[in-house]
Protein backbone atom coordinates (compact mmCIF):
# COMPACT_ATOMS: atom_id res chain seq x y z
CA UNK A 1 0.00 0.00 0.00
CA UNK A 2 1.26 3.48 -0.89
CA UNK A 3 1.78 6.04 1.87
CA UNK A 4 -0.06 9.37 1.91
CA UNK A 5 3.10 11.34 0.96
CA UNK A 6 3.60 8.97 -2.02
CA UNK A 7 -0.02 9.50 -3.12
CA UNK A 8 0.32 13.26 -2.79
CA UNK A 9 3.52 13.16 -4.82
CA UNK A 10 1.56 11.35 -7.56
CA UNK A 11 -1.05 14.12 -7.35
CA UNK A 12 1.58 16.83 -7.87
CA UNK A 13 3.39 14.92 -10.65
CA UNK A 14 0.10 14.48 -12.55
CA UNK A 15 -0.87 18.16 -12.14
CA UNK A 16 -3.93 17.13 -10.17
CA UNK A 17 -5.92 19.37 -7.84
CA UNK A 18 -7.40 16.83 -5.39
CA UNK A 19 -6.64 13.42 -3.95
CA UNK A 20 -9.73 11.39 -2.99
CA UNK A 21 -9.39 8.60 -0.43
CA UNK A 22 -12.37 6.31 0.13
CA UNK A 23 -12.98 2.66 0.91
CA UNK A 24 -13.71 -0.01 -1.71
CA UNK A 25 -12.03 2.08 -4.44
CA UNK A 26 -8.43 2.87 -5.37
CA UNK A 27 -7.18 6.37 -4.50
CA UNK A 28 -8.31 8.86 -7.14
CA UNK A 29 -6.92 12.19 -8.30
CA UNK A 30 -8.80 15.02 -9.96
CA UNK A 31 -7.02 16.26 -13.09
CA UNK A 32 -8.62 19.04 -15.13
CA UNK A 33 -11.94 18.44 -13.39
CA UNK A 34 -12.08 14.67 -13.98
CA UNK A 35 -11.45 11.93 -11.43
CA UNK A 36 -8.84 9.37 -12.43
CA UNK A 37 -8.25 6.16 -10.50
CA UNK A 38 -4.64 5.49 -9.66
CA UNK A 39 -3.28 2.10 -10.71
CA UNK A 40 -3.44 0.80 -7.14
CA UNK A 41 -5.61 -1.75 -5.32
CA UNK A 42 -8.90 -0.80 -3.69
CA UNK A 43 -8.53 0.54 -0.16
CA UNK A 44 -10.01 -1.22 2.85
CA UNK A 45 -11.56 0.74 5.75
CA UNK A 46 -8.44 0.05 7.86
CA UNK A 47 -6.16 1.33 5.07
CA UNK A 48 -8.10 4.56 4.58
CA UNK A 49 -8.02 5.22 8.32
CA UNK A 50 -4.27 4.53 8.47
CA UNK A 51 -3.58 6.83 5.50
CA UNK A 52 -5.58 9.70 6.96
CA UNK A 53 -4.42 9.27 10.56
CA UNK A 54 -0.78 9.28 9.41
CA UNK A 55 -0.85 13.10 9.18
CA UNK A 56 -3.16 13.88 12.13
CA UNK A 57 -2.02 15.03 15.54
CA UNK A 58 -3.50 13.38 18.63
CA UNK A 59 -5.80 16.37 19.22
CA UNK A 60 -6.98 16.27 15.58
CA UNK A 61 -7.72 12.55 15.88
CA UNK A 62 -9.78 13.23 19.00
CA UNK A 63 -11.72 16.08 17.34
CA UNK A 64 -12.43 13.90 14.31
CA UNK A 65 -13.64 10.98 16.42
CA UNK A 66 -15.98 13.31 18.33
CA UNK A 67 -17.49 15.13 15.34
CA UNK A 68 -16.78 12.67 12.47
CA UNK A 69 -15.45 15.52 10.32
CA UNK A 70 -12.30 17.62 10.34
CA UNK A 71 -10.74 20.34 8.22
CA UNK A 72 -7.03 21.09 8.55
CA UNK A 73 -3.92 21.79 6.52
CA UNK A 74 -0.45 20.29 6.47
CA UNK A 75 2.71 20.41 4.43
CA UNK A 76 5.18 17.89 3.11
CA UNK A 77 8.72 19.21 3.10
CA UNK A 78 9.98 19.77 -0.41
CA UNK A 79 6.61 18.95 -2.00
CA UNK A 80 3.71 21.26 -1.17
CA UNK A 81 1.02 22.33 1.31
CA UNK A 82 -2.41 20.69 1.35
CA UNK A 83 -5.86 21.41 2.75
CA UNK A 84 -7.64 18.31 3.93
CA UNK A 85 -11.26 17.44 4.67
CA UNK A 86 -11.69 14.22 6.63
CA UNK A 87 -15.16 12.71 6.94
CA UNK A 88 -17.04 9.56 7.84
CA UNK A 89 -18.57 7.90 4.79
CA UNK A 90 -20.54 4.65 5.03
CA UNK A 91 -19.04 4.00 8.46
CA UNK A 92 -15.42 4.43 7.31
CA UNK A 93 -12.89 7.24 7.21
CA UNK A 94 -12.60 9.13 3.93
CA UNK A 95 -10.70 12.25 2.92
CA UNK A 96 -10.06 14.74 0.17
CA UNK A 97 -6.70 16.53 0.06
CA UNK A 98 -6.35 19.63 -2.08
CA UNK A 99 -3.08 21.24 -3.04
CA UNK A 100 -2.94 24.85 -1.93
CA UNK A 101 -1.10 26.09 -5.05
CA UNK A 102 -0.35 24.19 -8.30
CA UNK A 103 0.31 25.67 -11.71
CA UNK A 104 2.47 22.97 -13.15
CA UNK A 105 5.62 24.19 -11.41
CA UNK A 106 5.96 23.73 -7.68
CA UNK A 107 7.38 26.91 -6.21
CA UNK A 108 6.19 29.35 -8.86
CA UNK A 109 5.37 32.69 -7.30
CA UNK A 110 2.00 34.27 -8.06
CA UNK A 111 2.26 38.03 -8.77
CA UNK A 112 0.16 40.00 -6.29
CA UNK A 113 0.24 43.58 -7.55
CA UNK A 114 -1.73 44.14 -10.72
CA UNK A 115 -2.97 47.36 -12.27
CA UNK A 116 -6.39 46.74 -10.72
CA UNK A 117 -5.07 46.29 -7.18
CA UNK A 118 -2.76 49.30 -7.58
CA UNK A 119 -5.70 51.52 -8.64
CA UNK A 120 -7.82 50.11 -5.84
CA UNK A 121 -5.16 50.74 -3.21
CA UNK A 122 -4.67 54.37 -4.25
CA UNK A 123 -8.16 55.24 -2.95
CA UNK A 124 -9.32 55.65 0.63
CA UNK A 125 -8.66 52.71 3.02
CA UNK A 126 -10.61 49.56 2.19
CA UNK A 127 -10.50 45.87 2.86
CA UNK A 128 -8.73 44.02 0.06
CA UNK A 129 -9.11 40.26 0.06
CA UNK A 130 -6.74 38.38 -2.21
CA UNK A 131 -6.82 34.74 -3.13
CA UNK A 132 -4.68 32.38 -5.16
CA UNK A 133 -5.88 30.05 -7.89
CA UNK A 134 -7.17 26.76 -6.48
CA UNK A 135 -4.77 24.71 -8.63
CA UNK A 136 -1.43 26.01 -7.37
CA UNK A 137 0.90 24.59 -4.71
CA UNK A 138 3.20 26.44 -2.31
CA UNK A 139 6.43 24.60 -1.62
CA UNK A 140 7.23 23.78 1.99
CA UNK A 141 10.71 24.79 3.09
């Protein structure tokens, strides 16, 4: 069985946006909006739990077991950062991990200042909320 870091590396190498972990199916990655099964065996409930729990702290495990859902983020050194949603599906642990920033090149910087934000910032004080594209990864150093 592949480890979660190995599966996430496959996600990044295939320019995927999400990794789906569920029982009775192989791990799947979303590439350009379409789910693709990885060439791996179907996961058992014990395997999905082990994969997901491998990145949880003790307090996160406790919160998940109390509420049966958990949102958190984590990073893998030299690979990327990920947001994760853990849930209970059909009595088993499931999860979806999403890369925080991916544009085909891990570590590419996204330019923040554009003409629009420069014009906006030259006016009276306002709240400016910025966001990055959903398909880009930040490297973890």
